[in-house]
Amino acid sequence: MDDRFRYIWRIPPIDFWENAIVAGEKDHDRVMASMPEEARYNAVFKTYLPADTEMVPVFLCKADNNGTTYLFADEDVFRFYDTNLEKVEG
């Protein structure tokens, strides 16, 4: 059985992980199996993003290139923002 994440996003390098926790062993192994390239330090972090009516876990891992950061989830959390995010002011 393939236990890879359904959704993977690539973002530019980030160097802050505030409020993220270290992922557990099972989640760490899933991220490593899904990682498109070599991971830096094999470190996997976990955070939560709101999606629909619940908080969804999102995992972050930095690549060992120029620091590209990959995000992993089983739900398309960013589609939720594309369709439901509304600017109020500014």
C-alpha atoms as a PDB file:
ATOM      1  CA  MET A   1       0.000   0.000   0.000  1.00  0.00           C
ATOM      2  CA  ASP A   2       1.279   3.443  -0.909  1.00  0.00           C
ATOM      3  CA  ASP A   3       1.127   5.662   2.173  1.00  0.00           C
ATOM      4  CA  ARG A   4       2.241   8.885   0.484  1.00  0.00           C
ATOM      5  CA  PHE A   5       0.486  12.175   1.004  1.00  0.00           C
ATOM      6  CA  ARG A   6      -2.243  13.106  -1.466  1.00  0.00           C
ATOM      7  CA  TYR A   7      -1.102  16.738  -1.771  1.00  0.00           C
ATOM      8  CA  ILE A   8       2.410  18.159  -1.945  1.00  0.00           C
ATOM      9  CA  TRP A   9       3.247  21.836  -2.444  1.00  0.00           C
ATOM     10  CA  ARG A  10       6.610  23.506  -3.014  1.00  0.00           C
ATOM     11  CA  ILE A  11       7.304  26.992  -1.653  1.00  0.00           C
ATOM     12  CA  PRO A  12      10.417  29.177  -1.551  1.00  0.00           C
ATOM     13  CA  PRO A  13      12.817  28.690   1.370  1.00  0.00           C
ATOM     14  CA  ILE A  14      11.537  29.675   4.794  1.00  0.00           C
ATOM     15  CA  ASP A  15      13.598  29.824   7.957  1.00  0.00           C
ATOM     16  CA  PHE A  16      11.017  30.121  10.691  1.00  0.00           C
ATOM     17  CA  TRP A  17       8.979  27.323  12.159  1.00  0.00           C
ATOM     18  CA  GLU A  18       7.249  29.115  15.014  1.00  0.00           C
ATOM     19  CA  ASN A  19       4.461  27.093  16.638  1.00  0.00           C
ATOM     20  CA  ALA A  20       5.325  24.023  14.552  1.00  0.00           C
ATOM     21  CA  ILE A  21       6.074  20.828  16.440  1.00  0.00           C
ATOM     22  CA  VAL A  22       8.349  17.948  15.510  1.00  0.00           C
ATOM     23  CA  ALA A  23       6.339  15.293  13.675  1.00  0.00           C
ATOM     24  CA  GLY A  24       5.929  11.840  15.162  1.00  0.00           C
ATOM     25  CA  GLU A  25       7.712   8.811  13.747  1.00  0.00           C
ATOM     26  CA  LYS A  26       4.854   7.578  11.532  1.00  0.00           C
ATOM     27  CA  ASP A  27       4.254  11.041  10.027  1.00  0.00           C
ATOM     28  CA  HIS A  28       8.006  11.558   9.620  1.00  0.00           C
ATOM     29  CA  ASP A  29       8.281   8.315   7.654  1.00  0.00           C
ATOM     30  CA  ARG A  30       5.317   9.285   5.438  1.00  0.00           C
ATOM     31  CA  VAL A  31       6.926  12.647   4.633  1.00  0.00           C
ATOM     32  CA  MET A  32      10.285  11.025   3.850  1.00  0.00           C
ATOM     33  CA  ALA A  33       8.543   8.550   1.504  1.00  0.00           C
ATOM     34  CA  SER A  34       6.752  11.444  -0.237  1.00  0.00           C
ATOM     35  CA  MET A  35       9.697  13.867  -0.393  1.00  0.00           C
ATOM     36  CA  PRO A  36      10.491  14.755  -4.041  1.00  0.00           C
ATOM     37  CA  GLU A  37      14.192  15.279  -3.272  1.00  0.00           C
ATOM     38  CA  GLU A  38      16.780  14.788  -0.535  1.00  0.00           C
ATOM     39  CA  ALA A  39      15.691  16.286   2.803  1.00  0.00           C
ATOM     40  CA  ARG A  40      17.875  18.603   4.852  1.00  0.00           C
ATOM     41  CA  TYR A  41      18.617  17.140   8.302  1.00  0.00           C
ATOM     42  CA  ASN A  42      15.656  14.731   7.902  1.00  0.00           C
ATOM     43  CA  ALA A  43      13.654  17.160  10.032  1.00  0.00           C
ATOM     44  CA  VAL A  44       9.868  17.136   9.640  1.00  0.00           C
ATOM     45  CA  PHE A  45       7.609  19.657  11.336  1.00  0.00           C
ATOM     46  CA  LYS A  46       3.862  19.596  11.887  1.00  0.00           C
ATOM     47  CA  THR A  47       1.436  22.481  12.053  1.00  0.00           C
ATOM     48  CA  TYR A  48      -2.295  22.912  11.526  1.00  0.00           C
ATOM     49  CA  LEU A  49      -4.255  25.051   9.074  1.00  0.00           C
ATOM     50  CA  PRO A  50      -7.986  25.725   9.149  1.00  0.00           C
ATOM     51  CA  ALA A  51      -9.899  24.073   6.327  1.00  0.00           C
ATOM     52  CA  ASP A  52     -13.660  23.994   6.104  1.00  0.00           C
ATOM     53  CA  THR A  53     -14.815  23.229   9.659  1.00  0.00           C
ATOM     54  CA  GLU A  54     -11.682  21.735  11.199  1.00  0.00           C
ATOM     55  CA  MET A  55      -7.955  22.159  11.642  1.00  0.00           C
ATOM     56  CA  VAL A  56      -5.972  19.989   9.215  1.00  0.00           C
ATOM     57  CA  PRO A  57      -2.416  18.779   9.886  1.00  0.00           C
ATOM     58  CA  VAL A  58       0.181  20.040   7.424  1.00  0.00           C
ATOM     59  CA  PHE A  59       3.756  18.770   7.474  1.00  0.00           C
ATOM     60  CA  LEU A  60       6.809  20.775   6.423  1.00  0.00           C
ATOM     61  CA  CYS A  61      10.206  19.534   5.303  1.00  0.00           C
ATOM     62  CA  LYS A  62      13.123  21.469   3.876  1.00  0.00           C
ATOM     63  CA  ALA A  63      15.054  20.127   0.894  1.00  0.00           C
ATOM     64  CA  ASP A  64      18.817  19.837   0.953  1.00  0.00           C
ATOM     65  CA  ASN A  65      19.273  22.105  -2.072  1.00  0.00           C
ATOM     66  CA  ASN A  66      18.814  25.824  -1.660  1.00  0.00           C
ATOM     67  CA  GLY A  67      16.264  25.225   1.094  1.00  0.00           C
ATOM     68  CA  THR A  68      13.095  24.749  -0.931  1.00  0.00           C
ATOM     69  CA  THR A  69      10.331  23.884   1.523  1.00  0.00           C
ATOM     70  CA  TYR A  70       7.736  21.208   0.836  1.00  0.00           C
ATOM     71  CA  LEU A  71       4.318  21.034   2.475  1.00  0.00           C
ATOM     72  CA  PHE A  72       2.369  17.770   2.752  1.00  0.00           C
ATOM     73  CA  ALA A  73      -1.286  17.090   3.569  1.00  0.00           C
ATOM     74  CA  ASP A  74      -4.035  14.604   2.876  1.00  0.00           C
ATOM     75  CA  GLU A  75      -6.532  17.392   2.160  1.00  0.00           C
ATOM     76  CA  ASP A  76      -6.254  20.239  -0.331  1.00  0.00           C
ATOM     77  CA  VAL A  77      -6.171  22.931   2.353  1.00  0.00           C
ATOM     78  CA  PHE A  78      -5.089  25.663  -0.044  1.00  0.00           C
ATOM     79  CA  ARG A  79      -8.107  25.183  -2.322  1.00  0.00           C
ATOM     80  CA  PHE A  80     -10.190  26.091   0.743  1.00  0.00           C
ATOM     81  CA  TYR A  81      -8.380  29.443   0.872  1.00  0.00           C
ATOM     82  CA  ASP A  82      -8.675  29.981  -2.880  1.00  0.00           C
ATOM     83  CA  THR A  83     -12.453  29.695  -2.682  1.00  0.00           C
ATOM     84  CA  ASN A  84     -13.249  31.027   0.806  1.00  0.00           C
ATOM     85  CA  LEU A  85     -10.692  33.721   1.592  1.00  0.00           C
ATOM     86  CA  GLU A  86     -12.218  37.193   1.510  1.00  0.00           C
ATOM     87  CA  LYS A  87     -10.271  40.423   1.933  1.00  0.00           C
ATOM     88  CA  VAL A  88     -12.009  42.694   4.435  1.00  0.00           C
ATOM     89  CA  GLU A  89      -9.959  45.895   4.247  1.00  0.00           C
ATOM     90  CA  GLY A  90      -6.534  47.281   3.423  1.00  0.00           C
END
